[in-house]
Amino acid sequence: MRQFISAADVSDINALADKALAFKKDPWKSEALGHHKRIGCLFLNPSMRTRLSTQVAARQLGMECIIFNITSEGWALEFEDEAIMSGNTVEHVRDAAPVLARYFDILAIRTFPGLKNREEDYSELYINQFIRFAGIPVLSLESSTLHPLQSLTDIITIRECIHENPELVRRRPRIVLTWAPHVKPLPQCVANSFAQWVNAWGAADFVITHPEDYELDEQFTRGATIIHDQDEALKDADFVYVKNWSTFRDYGKIYCNDPGWMLTGEKLAHTRQAKVMHCLPVRRNVELSDEILDGSNSIITQQASNRVWAAQAVLSEMLEAMTITKR
């Protein structure tokens, strides 16, 4: 694996998840793999779990991890080709990326959509320009449209729960991704990515439920069943993933902020005692009620802790690929 940008970079999702769970049992078993290797984590927007889990994972593989917050500690970067840099940008990625490639063995990039121009955000200009000009392996810590490490984590967590439940081992689980209200418009990244990964995994019946006008990009949701009635969608669910996202067609807007879409214990009664997931951070009693977050159905802490093992599995694959290339 040279890049990790989306589900398309993974040939066998189950095998990668198995690798992550093996690291969960024995975190230091491949400590020598990253000896004398360095990962540079570049953040164009803030992070807590992604940053910390990647640092922990890299260290457990023997790597040195250096964090750089570009927006607060570095120059404003220019990403457009043939730009006349007479504005606020100080350095072009064409100049910065090749130098960073001399410092690091792997570059990890976290970007964020502006939610103003859909074509610009969905072109993935920022991360693609780093890939283009750095020439070394690039790992996405979230991009304008996708969050692959989060989605791998989600699959890992679902598989853990399936293996703990003999009934789910015998049949296909029903997974529901449900929109939730929020106080501000959020990107589609997590929802896009979760849909992409569950569809690529292909081991579940997958439903997406949201108010009308909150359709996601079909390139990610194709294969899922779309239902606009949340109660109907939740019926017989085994897993419920709760996430807000803004509009895709009339880009980056909030049309509906109906508090009735918040997941509650009453709504959970429609499910098969479904496990409840969220990527965090979560707005309590806006997206999810206290009774759900603090209840026995919540696997949100388990899900967040699995971020380490997802990152470690991906980094180990990238390091192994580098070793093979040098032979």
Protein backbone atom coordinates (compact mmCIF):
# COMPACT_ATOMS: atom_id res chain seq x y z
CA MET A 1 0.00 0.00 0.00
CA ARG A 2 1.70 3.22 -1.17
CA GLN A 3 -1.11 5.69 -0.45
CA PHE A 4 -4.04 5.56 1.95
CA ILE A 5 -6.65 8.00 0.71
CA SER A 6 -9.83 5.92 0.39
CA ALA A 7 -11.26 2.39 0.45
CA ALA A 8 -9.98 1.99 -3.11
CA ASP A 9 -6.44 1.75 -1.73
CA VAL A 10 -7.28 -1.44 0.21
CA SER A 11 -7.37 -4.77 -1.60
CA ASP A 12 -8.84 -6.76 1.31
CA ILE A 13 -10.72 -4.84 4.02
CA ASN A 14 -11.18 -7.90 6.24
CA ALA A 15 -7.48 -8.70 6.12
CA LEU A 16 -6.59 -5.12 7.08
CA ALA A 17 -9.11 -5.20 9.92
CA ASP A 18 -7.65 -8.52 11.11
CA LYS A 19 -4.21 -6.93 11.12
CA ALA A 20 -5.51 -4.05 13.24
CA LEU A 21 -7.09 -6.43 15.75
CA ALA A 22 -3.83 -8.39 15.94
CA PHE A 23 -2.07 -5.16 16.93
CA LYS A 24 -4.76 -4.59 19.55
CA LYS A 25 -3.74 -7.90 21.15
CA ASP A 26 0.00 -7.23 20.81
CA PRO A 27 0.73 -3.52 20.18
CA TRP A 28 4.53 -3.80 20.09
CA LYS A 29 4.94 -6.91 17.96
CA SER A 30 6.24 -4.94 14.95
CA GLU A 31 8.20 -2.28 16.82
CA ALA A 32 11.28 -2.85 14.64
CA LEU A 33 9.34 -2.24 11.41
CA GLY A 34 9.55 1.55 11.66
CA HIS A 35 13.06 1.75 13.09
CA HIS A 36 14.84 4.85 11.71
CA LYS A 37 11.65 5.86 9.87
CA ARG A 38 9.91 9.18 10.31
CA ILE A 39 6.31 10.29 9.69
CA GLY A 40 5.38 13.95 9.30
CA CYS A 41 1.78 14.77 10.26
CA LEU A 42 0.65 18.04 8.67
CA PHE A 43 -2.56 19.55 10.00
CA LEU A 44 -4.41 22.20 8.03
CA ASN A 45 -7.22 21.97 10.60
CA PRO A 46 -7.36 20.89 14.25
CA SER A 47 -7.55 17.32 15.49
CA MET A 48 -7.59 15.38 18.73
CA ARG A 49 -8.26 11.64 18.22
CA THR A 50 -6.75 11.49 14.73
CA ARG A 51 -3.59 13.24 15.85
CA LEU A 52 -3.07 11.33 19.09
CA SER A 53 -3.99 7.89 17.76
CA THR A 54 -1.62 8.29 14.81
CA GLN A 55 1.19 9.34 17.12
CA VAL A 56 0.60 6.32 19.37
CA ALA A 57 0.39 3.95 16.39
CA ALA A 58 3.61 5.30 14.84
CA ARG A 59 5.48 5.00 18.13
CA GLN A 60 4.35 1.38 18.58
CA LEU A 61 5.87 0.65 15.17
CA GLY A 62 9.16 2.26 16.21
CA MET A 63 8.66 5.41 14.11
CA GLU A 64 9.43 8.99 15.02
CA CYS A 65 6.34 11.15 14.59
CA ILE A 66 6.60 14.91 14.05
CA ILE A 67 3.46 17.08 14.19
CA PHE A 68 3.19 20.38 12.33
CA ASN A 69 0.11 22.62 12.47
CA ILE A 70 0.46 24.50 9.21
CA THR A 71 -2.27 27.06 9.85
CA SER A 72 -0.85 28.26 13.18
CA GLU A 73 2.86 27.44 12.91
CA GLY A 74 3.75 27.76 9.24
CA TRP A 75 3.27 29.76 6.07
CA ALA A 76 -0.05 30.01 4.28
CA LEU A 77 0.35 27.56 1.40
CA GLU A 78 -0.75 28.05 -2.19
CA PHE A 79 -2.15 24.98 -3.99
CA GLU A 80 -3.36 26.29 -7.35
CA ASP A 81 -1.17 25.72 -10.42
CA GLU A 82 0.17 28.85 -12.13
CA ALA A 83 -0.99 31.03 -9.24
CA ILE A 84 0.20 34.64 -9.13
CA MET A 85 1.13 34.76 -5.46
CA SER A 86 0.42 38.41 -4.73
CA GLY A 87 -2.10 37.67 -1.96
CA ASN A 88 -1.92 36.03 1.47
CA THR A 89 -0.20 32.79 0.47
CA VAL A 90 3.55 32.77 1.08
CA GLU A 91 4.76 29.40 -0.21
CA HIS A 92 3.58 27.07 -2.96
CA VAL A 93 3.04 23.38 -2.24
CA ARG A 94 5.19 22.70 -5.33
CA ASP A 95 8.15 24.10 -3.35
CA ALA A 96 7.21 22.87 0.13
CA ALA A 97 6.26 19.25 -0.61
CA PRO A 98 9.58 18.09 -2.16
CA VAL A 99 11.46 19.48 0.84
CA LEU A 100 9.12 17.71 3.28
CA ALA A 101 9.75 14.51 1.33
CA ARG A 102 13.45 14.85 2.21
CA TYR A 103 12.57 15.09 5.91
CA PHE A 104 10.08 12.24 6.15
CA ASP A 105 9.44 8.70 4.92
CA ILE A 106 5.64 9.11 5.07
CA LEU A 107 3.54 12.28 4.93
CA ALA A 108 0.19 12.31 6.71
CA ILE A 109 -2.13 15.17 5.74
CA ARG A 110 -5.33 16.46 7.35
CA THR A 111 -7.34 18.98 5.36
CA PHE A 112 -10.89 20.30 5.64
CA PRO A 113 -13.47 21.48 3.10
CA GLY A 114 -14.39 25.12 2.85
CA LEU A 115 -18.08 24.18 2.26
CA LYS A 116 -18.33 27.11 -0.16
CA ASN A 117 -17.41 25.59 -3.52
CA ARG A 118 -18.37 21.95 -4.07
CA GLU A 119 -16.26 21.46 -7.18
CA GLU A 120 -13.18 22.79 -5.42
CA ASP A 121 -13.69 20.67 -2.30
CA TYR A 122 -14.51 17.49 -4.23
CA SER A 123 -11.45 17.90 -6.45
CA GLU A 124 -9.36 17.07 -3.33
CA LEU A 125 -6.82 19.64 -4.53
CA TYR A 126 -4.87 19.93 -1.29
CA ILE A 127 -4.10 16.27 -0.66
CA ASN A 128 -3.66 15.51 -4.38
CA GLN A 129 -1.08 18.28 -4.72
CA PHE A 130 0.91 16.84 -1.82
CA ILE A 131 0.80 13.42 -3.48
CA ARG A 132 1.84 14.94 -6.79
CA PHE A 133 4.81 16.97 -5.55
CA ALA A 134 6.09 15.02 -2.52
CA GLY A 135 6.74 11.74 -4.31
CA ILE A 136 6.62 9.72 -1.06
CA PRO A 137 3.74 7.73 0.49
CA VAL A 138 0.85 9.91 1.66
CA LEU A 139 -1.67 9.00 4.34
CA SER A 140 -4.97 10.85 4.67
CA LEU A 141 -5.83 11.97 8.19
CA GLU A 142 -9.08 13.33 6.69
CA SER A 143 -9.60 15.16 3.44
CA SER A 144 -12.26 17.40 1.99
CA THR A 145 -14.53 14.47 1.13
CA LEU A 146 -13.33 11.37 3.02
CA HIS A 147 -12.01 10.16 6.38
CA PRO A 148 -10.58 6.70 5.63
CA LEU A 149 -8.88 6.04 8.99
CA GLN A 150 -12.17 6.71 10.75
CA SER A 151 -14.02 4.38 8.39
CA LEU A 152 -11.50 1.57 8.80
CA THR A 153 -11.91 2.02 12.55
CA ASP A 154 -15.67 1.73 12.13
CA ILE A 155 -15.40 -1.54 10.22
CA ILE A 156 -12.98 -2.90 12.84
CA THR A 157 -15.42 -2.02 15.63
CA ILE A 158 -18.41 -3.53 13.83
CA ARG A 159 -16.48 -6.75 13.18
CA GLU A 160 -15.48 -6.95 16.85
CA CYS A 161 -19.12 -6.69 17.89
CA ILE A 162 -20.24 -9.24 15.30
CA HIS A 163 -17.73 -11.81 16.56
CA GLU A 164 -19.04 -11.31 20.10
CA ASN A 165 -22.61 -12.07 19.00
CA PRO A 166 -23.29 -15.62 17.72
CA GLU A 167 -26.53 -14.51 16.05
CA LEU A 168 -24.73 -11.86 13.99
CA VAL A 169 -22.08 -14.37 12.97
CA ARG A 170 -24.84 -16.45 11.35
CA ARG A 171 -26.53 -13.66 9.40
CA ARG A 172 -25.83 -10.36 7.65
CA PRO A 173 -26.05 -7.40 10.04
CA ARG A 174 -28.22 -4.39 9.23
CA ILE A 175 -26.23 -1.17 9.47
CA VAL A 176 -27.99 2.20 9.46
CA LEU A 177 -26.26 5.53 8.92
CA THR A 178 -28.59 8.22 10.22
CA TRP A 179 -28.36 11.99 9.82
CA ALA A 180 -28.55 14.00 13.03
CA PRO A 181 -29.21 17.66 13.76
CA HIS A 182 -26.32 20.03 14.56
CA VAL A 183 -25.80 23.68 15.38
CA LYS A 184 -23.73 24.36 12.26
CA PRO A 185 -23.18 22.87 8.78
CA LEU A 186 -20.63 20.05 8.81
CA PRO A 187 -18.77 18.36 5.93
CA GLN A 188 -19.94 15.15 4.30
CA CYS A 189 -16.50 13.52 4.86
CA VAL A 190 -17.36 10.98 7.57
CA ALA A 191 -20.71 10.04 6.04
CA ASN A 192 -19.23 9.73 2.53
CA SER A 193 -16.38 7.63 3.82
CA PHE A 194 -18.49 5.34 5.99
CA ALA A 195 -20.81 4.69 3.05
CA GLN A 196 -17.87 3.99 0.74
CA TRP A 197 -16.27 1.53 3.15
CA VAL A 198 -19.44 -0.35 4.12
CA ASN A 199 -20.35 -0.74 0.45
CA ALA A 200 -16.82 -1.90 -0.42
CA TRP A 201 -16.83 -4.31 2.53
CA GLY A 202 -20.07 -5.82 1.24
CA ALA A 203 -20.83 -7.88 4.35
CA ALA A 204 -23.92 -6.04 5.61
CA ASP A 205 -27.33 -4.75 4.59
CA PHE A 206 -26.73 -1.01 4.50
CA VAL A 207 -29.32 1.73 4.94
CA ILE A 208 -28.87 5.51 4.94
CA THR A 209 -31.60 7.68 6.43
CA HIS A 210 -31.82 11.47 6.32
CA PRO A 211 -34.33 14.27 5.69
CA GLU A 212 -35.05 15.05 2.07
CA ASP A 213 -32.46 17.34 0.45
CA TYR A 214 -29.59 15.77 2.44
CA GLU A 215 -28.59 13.24 -0.21
CA LEU A 216 -24.89 12.42 -0.32
CA ASP A 217 -22.82 12.06 -3.48
CA GLU A 218 -23.97 8.89 -5.25
CA GLN A 219 -20.40 7.82 -5.98
CA PHE A 220 -20.16 6.94 -2.28
CA THR A 221 -23.69 5.77 -1.48
CA ARG A 222 -24.35 3.59 -4.54
CA GLY A 223 -25.41 0.18 -3.22
CA ALA A 224 -27.08 1.49 -0.06
CA THR A 225 -30.83 1.73 0.51
CA ILE A 226 -31.94 5.34 1.08
CA ILE A 227 -34.95 5.89 3.38
CA HIS A 228 -36.28 9.30 4.47
CA ASP A 229 -38.38 7.93 7.34
CA GLN A 230 -35.97 7.46 10.25
CA ASP A 231 -38.25 5.11 12.25
CA GLU A 232 -38.68 2.85 9.23
CA ALA A 233 -34.93 2.84 8.56
CA LEU A 234 -34.11 1.95 12.17
CA LYS A 235 -36.38 -1.09 12.18
CA ASP A 236 -34.34 -4.24 12.98
CA ALA A 237 -31.01 -2.36 12.83
CA ASP A 238 -28.01 -4.03 14.47
CA PHE A 239 -25.74 -0.97 14.25
CA VAL A 240 -26.72 2.70 14.09
CA TYR A 241 -24.10 5.24 13.06
CA VAL A 242 -25.15 8.78 13.97
CA LYS A 243 -23.64 11.73 12.06
CA ASN A 244 -24.60 15.18 10.86
CA TRP A 245 -23.72 16.46 7.40
CA SER A 246 -24.66 19.55 5.39
CA THR A 247 -26.35 19.56 2.00
CA PHE A 248 -24.48 18.28 -1.05
CA ARG A 249 -26.51 19.63 -3.99
CA ASP A 250 -27.06 23.19 -2.71
CA TYR A 251 -23.67 22.84 -1.15
CA GLY A 252 -22.83 23.30 2.51
CA LYS A 253 -26.23 24.42 3.77
CA ILE A 254 -28.56 23.55 6.65
CA TYR A 255 -32.14 23.21 5.39
CA CYS A 256 -33.64 21.19 8.21
CA ASN A 257 -32.43 21.06 11.80
CA ASP A 258 -35.36 19.09 13.17
CA PRO A 259 -34.55 17.98 16.76
CA GLY A 260 -36.86 15.03 16.10
CA TRP A 261 -33.95 13.38 14.23
CA MET A 262 -31.89 13.10 17.42
CA LEU A 263 -31.47 9.44 18.39
CA THR A 264 -33.23 8.58 21.67
CA GLY A 265 -34.06 5.47 23.64
CA GLU A 266 -37.57 5.50 22.23
CA LYS A 267 -36.22 5.41 18.68
CA LEU A 268 -33.68 2.74 19.58
CA ALA A 269 -36.60 0.51 20.55
CA HIS A 270 -37.27 0.04 16.81
CA THR A 271 -33.91 -1.74 16.48
CA ARG A 272 -32.54 -5.11 17.54
CA GLN A 273 -30.90 -3.46 20.56
CA ALA A 274 -28.54 -1.87 18.07
CA LYS A 275 -25.04 -0.78 18.96
CA VAL A 276 -24.74 3.00 18.57
CA MET A 277 -21.72 4.63 16.91
CA HIS A 278 -20.45 8.19 16.43
CA CYS A 279 -17.03 9.44 15.29
CA LEU A 280 -16.77 12.15 18.00
CA PRO A 281 -16.80 14.94 18.97
CA VAL A 282 -20.54 14.77 19.65
CA ARG A 283 -22.98 17.49 20.66
CA ARG A 284 -24.85 15.92 23.57
CA ASN A 285 -28.62 16.25 23.48
CA VAL A 286 -28.40 17.70 19.97
CA GLU A 287 -27.06 14.78 17.91
CA LEU A 288 -27.44 12.10 20.57
CA SER A 289 -29.25 12.04 23.89
CA ASP A 290 -27.45 11.45 27.19
CA GLU A 291 -29.44 8.26 27.70
CA ILE A 292 -27.94 6.80 24.50
CA LEU A 293 -24.39 8.07 24.94
CA ASP A 294 -24.19 6.84 28.54
CA GLY A 295 -26.22 3.69 27.97
CA SER A 296 -25.23 0.09 27.37
CA ASN A 297 -25.86 0.29 23.60
CA SER A 298 -23.16 2.91 23.05
CA ILE A 299 -19.86 1.60 21.67
CA ILE A 300 -18.48 5.07 21.01
CA THR A 301 -15.54 4.76 23.43
CA GLN A 302 -14.62 1.35 21.99
CA GLN A 303 -14.87 2.84 18.51
CA ALA A 304 -12.64 5.82 19.37
CA SER A 305 -10.01 3.63 21.06
CA ASN A 306 -9.80 1.49 17.92
CA ARG A 307 -8.42 4.50 16.05
CA VAL A 308 -4.94 3.48 17.23
CA TRP A 309 -5.16 -0.01 15.72
CA ALA A 310 -6.55 1.25 12.42
CA ALA A 311 -3.66 3.69 12.08
CA GLN A 312 -1.12 1.06 13.11
CA ALA A 313 -2.42 -1.44 10.56
CA VAL A 314 -2.26 1.12 7.75
CA LEU A 315 1.18 2.41 8.69
CA SER A 316 2.53 -1.14 8.90
CA GLU A 317 1.21 -1.85 5.39
CA MET A 318 2.89 1.28 4.06
CA LEU A 319 6.17 0.47 5.79
CA GLU A 320 6.11 -3.10 4.49
CA ALA A 321 5.49 -1.84 0.96
CA MET A 322 8.49 0.51 1.29
CA THR A 323 10.66 -2.41 2.40
CA ILE A 324 9.61 -4.53 -0.58
CA THR A 325 10.25 -1.64 -2.99
CA LYS A 326 13.83 -1.25 -1.73
CA ARG A 327 14.69 -4.91 -2.28
